[in-house]
Amino acid sequence: MYETSLVIYLVVAIALIALILLQKGKGAEMGASFGSGASNTVFGATGSGNFLTRLTAILAVSFFLMSLILGNMAANQAGNAKGELNFELPTTEQTPVVPLESN
């Protein structure tokens, strides 16, 4: 379950990075207002802003939710591991320590 959530988390993170890089900056709107940028867009002259913005917001919310869920799962795993500590000495055979004689 943890590994599957981690893979989904990484896919959401990569998709979020890609969507942010696909969006145009605020300075790019000046050239598009004269007609040069409208012919090269996939979603039309104004359609890409709303679609990409909404999709980015959805991925950002899911990224933060997955972060909280994975953090909670990791904390629970660490809490379970702390309760299972074993403080006994290992049972491997050890050679006896012989003191050195000083001359």
Protein backbone atom coordinates (compact mmCIF):
# COMPACT_ATOMS: atom_id res chain seq x y z
CA MET A 1 0.00 0.00 0.00
CA TYR A 2 2.81 2.39 0.91
CA GLU A 3 4.78 1.64 -2.26
CA THR A 4 1.70 2.14 -4.46
CA SER A 5 0.95 5.47 -2.78
CA LEU A 6 4.56 6.51 -3.27
CA VAL A 7 4.41 5.74 -7.01
CA ILE A 8 1.16 7.73 -7.34
CA TYR A 9 2.80 10.58 -5.42
CA LEU A 10 5.76 10.66 -7.80
CA VAL A 11 3.49 10.60 -10.88
CA VAL A 12 1.47 13.52 -9.48
CA ALA A 13 4.68 15.44 -8.74
CA ILE A 14 6.04 14.93 -12.26
CA ALA A 15 2.69 15.89 -13.82
CA LEU A 16 2.55 19.02 -11.65
CA ILE A 17 6.04 20.05 -12.75
CA ALA A 18 5.16 19.47 -16.40
CA LEU A 19 1.94 21.52 -16.15
CA ILE A 20 3.72 24.41 -14.50
CA LEU A 21 6.36 24.43 -17.23
CA LEU A 22 3.69 24.34 -19.96
CA GLN A 23 1.95 27.48 -18.75
CA LYS A 24 2.79 30.86 -20.18
CA GLY A 25 4.03 33.65 -17.99
CA LYS A 26 2.25 36.97 -17.52
CA GLY A 27 4.61 38.73 -19.95
CA ALA A 28 3.71 36.38 -22.80
CA GLU A 29 0.19 37.81 -23.08
CA MET A 30 1.37 41.02 -24.73
CA GLY A 31 2.47 39.29 -27.94
CA ALA A 32 -0.63 37.10 -28.00
CA SER A 33 -2.93 40.12 -27.91
CA PHE A 34 -1.72 41.23 -31.38
CA GLY A 35 -2.68 37.91 -32.96
CA SER A 36 0.70 36.24 -33.18
CA GLY A 37 0.19 33.81 -30.30
CA ALA A 38 -3.42 32.81 -30.90
CA SER A 39 -2.75 30.71 -33.97
CA ASN A 40 -0.23 28.43 -32.22
CA THR A 41 -2.32 27.42 -29.21
CA VAL A 42 -3.99 24.04 -28.87
CA PHE A 43 -6.92 25.16 -26.71
CA GLY A 44 -7.66 28.44 -28.51
CA ALA A 45 -6.73 31.98 -27.61
CA THR A 46 -8.14 32.00 -24.05
CA GLY A 47 -9.05 28.37 -23.38
CA SER A 48 -5.65 27.13 -22.26
CA GLY A 49 -5.40 29.43 -19.24
CA ASN A 50 -8.50 28.14 -17.48
CA PHE A 51 -7.89 24.47 -18.32
CA LEU A 52 -4.24 24.44 -17.28
CA THR A 53 -4.91 26.55 -14.20
CA ARG A 54 -7.67 24.24 -12.97
CA LEU A 55 -5.66 21.12 -13.69
CA THR A 56 -2.65 22.59 -11.88
CA ALA A 57 -4.82 23.43 -8.86
CA ILE A 58 -6.27 19.90 -8.77
CA LEU A 59 -2.79 18.34 -8.99
CA ALA A 60 -1.43 20.71 -6.34
CA VAL A 61 -4.22 19.79 -3.90
CA SER A 62 -3.72 16.09 -4.58
CA PHE A 63 0.07 16.53 -4.11
CA PHE A 64 -0.42 18.08 -0.68
CA LEU A 65 -2.98 15.47 0.35
CA MET A 66 -0.69 12.66 -0.74
CA SER A 67 2.14 14.30 1.21
CA LEU A 68 0.05 14.26 4.38
CA ILE A 69 -1.09 10.67 3.82
CA LEU A 70 2.44 9.41 3.13
CA GLY A 71 3.80 11.29 6.13
CA ASN A 72 1.15 9.72 8.34
CA MET A 73 1.87 6.26 6.97
CA ALA A 74 5.63 6.70 7.51
CA ALA A 75 5.07 7.90 11.09
CA ASN A 76 2.88 4.90 11.84
CA GLN A 77 5.50 2.54 10.44
CA ALA A 78 8.20 4.18 12.53
CA GLY A 79 5.98 3.99 15.62
CA ASN A 80 5.40 0.27 15.10
CA ALA A 81 9.11 -0.34 14.64
CA LYS A 82 9.93 1.42 17.94
CA GLY A 83 7.72 -0.95 19.88
CA GLU A 84 9.56 -3.98 18.51
CA LEU A 85 13.07 -3.12 19.64
CA ASN A 86 15.12 -5.99 20.99
CA PHE A 87 17.78 -5.10 23.54
CA GLU A 88 19.20 -8.60 23.99
CA LEU A 89 22.78 -9.35 23.12
CA PRO A 90 23.37 -11.20 19.88
CA THR A 91 23.80 -14.96 20.24
CA THR A 92 26.75 -15.34 17.89
CA GLU A 93 29.79 -17.20 19.14
CA GLN A 94 32.54 -14.91 20.24
CA THR A 95 36.17 -15.76 20.88
CA PRO A 96 37.20 -15.22 24.46
CA VAL A 97 39.31 -12.16 25.14
CA VAL A 98 42.68 -13.05 26.62
CA PRO A 99 44.42 -10.25 28.52
CA LEU A 100 47.87 -9.32 27.32
CA GLU A 101 50.74 -9.86 29.74
CA SER A 102 52.96 -6.89 30.26
CA ASN A 103 56.73 -7.40 30.70
